């Protein structure tokens, strides 16, 4: 059974401890990245997005439009910076457009 704390703790601290103890942070980061991509890129890009997946520190984006893929490739670093800022920490180091 889990160890019980006698002092009152904020729920945010309890949730952080739970996430760390059960090693759930990588899964939460994957969800955060998908949400951030949808929010930042907007409907125009999301209509052509077929897949968003995070593997370690590399974000893989599947696009159905080669023209859009070429346009986005010019601003990869800016996209990485905006996504990391939206998430609140540095999760993405590399962006691969497919």
Protein backbone atom coordinates (compact mmCIF):
# COMPACT_ATOMS: atom_id res chain seq x y z
CA UNK A 1 0.00 0.00 0.00
CA UNK A 2 1.13 3.56 -0.66
CA UNK A 3 2.86 5.56 2.03
CA UNK A 4 0.54 8.08 3.61
CA UNK A 5 1.65 11.66 4.30
CA UNK A 6 0.44 13.26 7.50
CA UNK A 7 0.79 16.85 6.28
CA UNK A 8 -1.63 18.47 3.86
CA UNK A 9 -0.21 18.74 0.34
CA UNK A 10 -1.55 20.62 -2.68
CA UNK A 11 -3.10 18.37 -5.31
CA UNK A 12 -0.57 19.60 -7.89
CA UNK A 13 2.31 18.24 -5.80
CA UNK A 14 0.53 14.92 -5.34
CA UNK A 15 -0.08 14.61 -9.09
CA UNK A 16 3.56 15.47 -9.90
CA UNK A 17 4.74 12.80 -7.48
CA UNK A 18 2.32 10.27 -9.02
CA UNK A 19 3.52 11.05 -12.56
CA UNK A 20 7.19 10.76 -11.55
CA UNK A 21 6.71 7.55 -9.56
CA UNK A 22 4.81 5.82 -12.38
CA UNK A 23 7.01 7.22 -15.20
CA UNK A 24 4.10 8.77 -17.09
CA UNK A 25 5.78 11.99 -18.23
CA UNK A 26 6.74 10.78 -21.72
CA UNK A 27 3.13 9.80 -22.46
CA UNK A 28 1.87 13.14 -21.21
CA UNK A 29 4.43 14.93 -23.39
CA UNK A 30 3.11 13.10 -26.46
CA UNK A 31 -0.42 14.29 -25.74
CA UNK A 32 0.79 17.84 -25.06
CA UNK A 33 2.68 17.93 -28.37
CA UNK A 34 -0.37 16.82 -30.36
CA UNK A 35 -2.52 19.48 -28.68
CA UNK A 36 0.12 22.17 -29.20
CA UNK A 37 0.47 21.28 -32.92
CA UNK A 38 -3.29 21.55 -33.43
CA UNK A 39 -3.49 24.85 -31.56
CA UNK A 40 -0.45 26.57 -33.10
CA UNK A 41 -0.75 25.44 -36.71
CA UNK A 42 -4.47 26.11 -37.02
CA UNK A 43 -7.14 24.54 -39.23
CA UNK A 44 -5.35 25.17 -42.52
CA UNK A 45 -2.38 22.97 -41.65
CA UNK A 46 -4.39 20.53 -39.52
CA UNK A 47 -6.57 19.64 -42.52
CA UNK A 48 -3.43 18.29 -44.24
CA UNK A 49 -1.88 16.69 -41.14
CA UNK A 50 -2.21 12.91 -41.16
CA UNK A 51 0.00 11.96 -38.20
CA UNK A 52 1.69 13.61 -35.22
CA UNK A 53 4.04 11.45 -33.18
CA UNK A 54 6.82 12.16 -30.71
CA UNK A 55 9.69 9.70 -30.39
CA UNK A 56 12.20 10.72 -27.72
CA UNK A 57 13.05 14.31 -28.72
CA UNK A 58 12.04 14.07 -32.41
CA UNK A 59 8.61 15.13 -33.64
CA UNK A 60 7.37 13.33 -36.75
CA UNK A 61 4.63 15.07 -38.73
CA UNK A 62 2.80 13.30 -41.53
CA UNK A 63 1.42 15.65 -44.18
CA UNK A 64 -0.75 14.83 -47.18
CA UNK A 65 0.41 17.89 -49.15
CA UNK A 66 3.93 18.01 -50.58
CA UNK A 67 3.60 21.76 -51.18
CA UNK A 68 2.76 22.38 -47.53
CA UNK A 69 5.60 20.09 -46.43
CA UNK A 70 8.05 22.15 -48.49
CA UNK A 71 6.73 25.45 -47.10
CA UNK A 72 6.91 24.25 -43.49
CA UNK A 73 10.45 22.91 -43.99
CA UNK A 74 11.71 26.49 -44.35
CA UNK A 75 10.56 27.37 -40.80
CA UNK A 76 11.39 24.17 -38.89
CA UNK A 77 13.32 25.85 -36.08
CA UNK A 78 10.61 28.47 -35.57
CA UNK A 79 7.97 25.73 -35.37
CA UNK A 80 10.09 23.81 -32.83
CA UNK A 81 10.52 26.94 -30.72
CA UNK A 82 6.80 27.77 -30.81
CA UNK A 83 5.80 24.22 -29.85
CA UNK A 84 8.30 24.04 -26.98
CA UNK A 85 7.09 27.43 -25.73
CA UNK A 86 3.48 26.30 -25.91
CA UNK A 87 4.26 23.13 -23.95
CA UNK A 88 6.28 25.05 -21.39
CA UNK A 89 9.48 23.03 -21.59
CA UNK A 90 12.00 21.80 -24.15
CA UNK A 91 10.54 18.52 -25.41
CA UNK A 92 11.31 18.77 -29.14
CA UNK A 93 14.83 19.09 -30.59
CA UNK A 94 14.20 17.90 -34.13
CA UNK A 95 11.25 18.11 -36.54
CA UNK A 96 10.77 15.60 -39.38
CA UNK A 97 8.13 16.36 -41.99
CA UNK A 98 6.91 13.34 -43.96
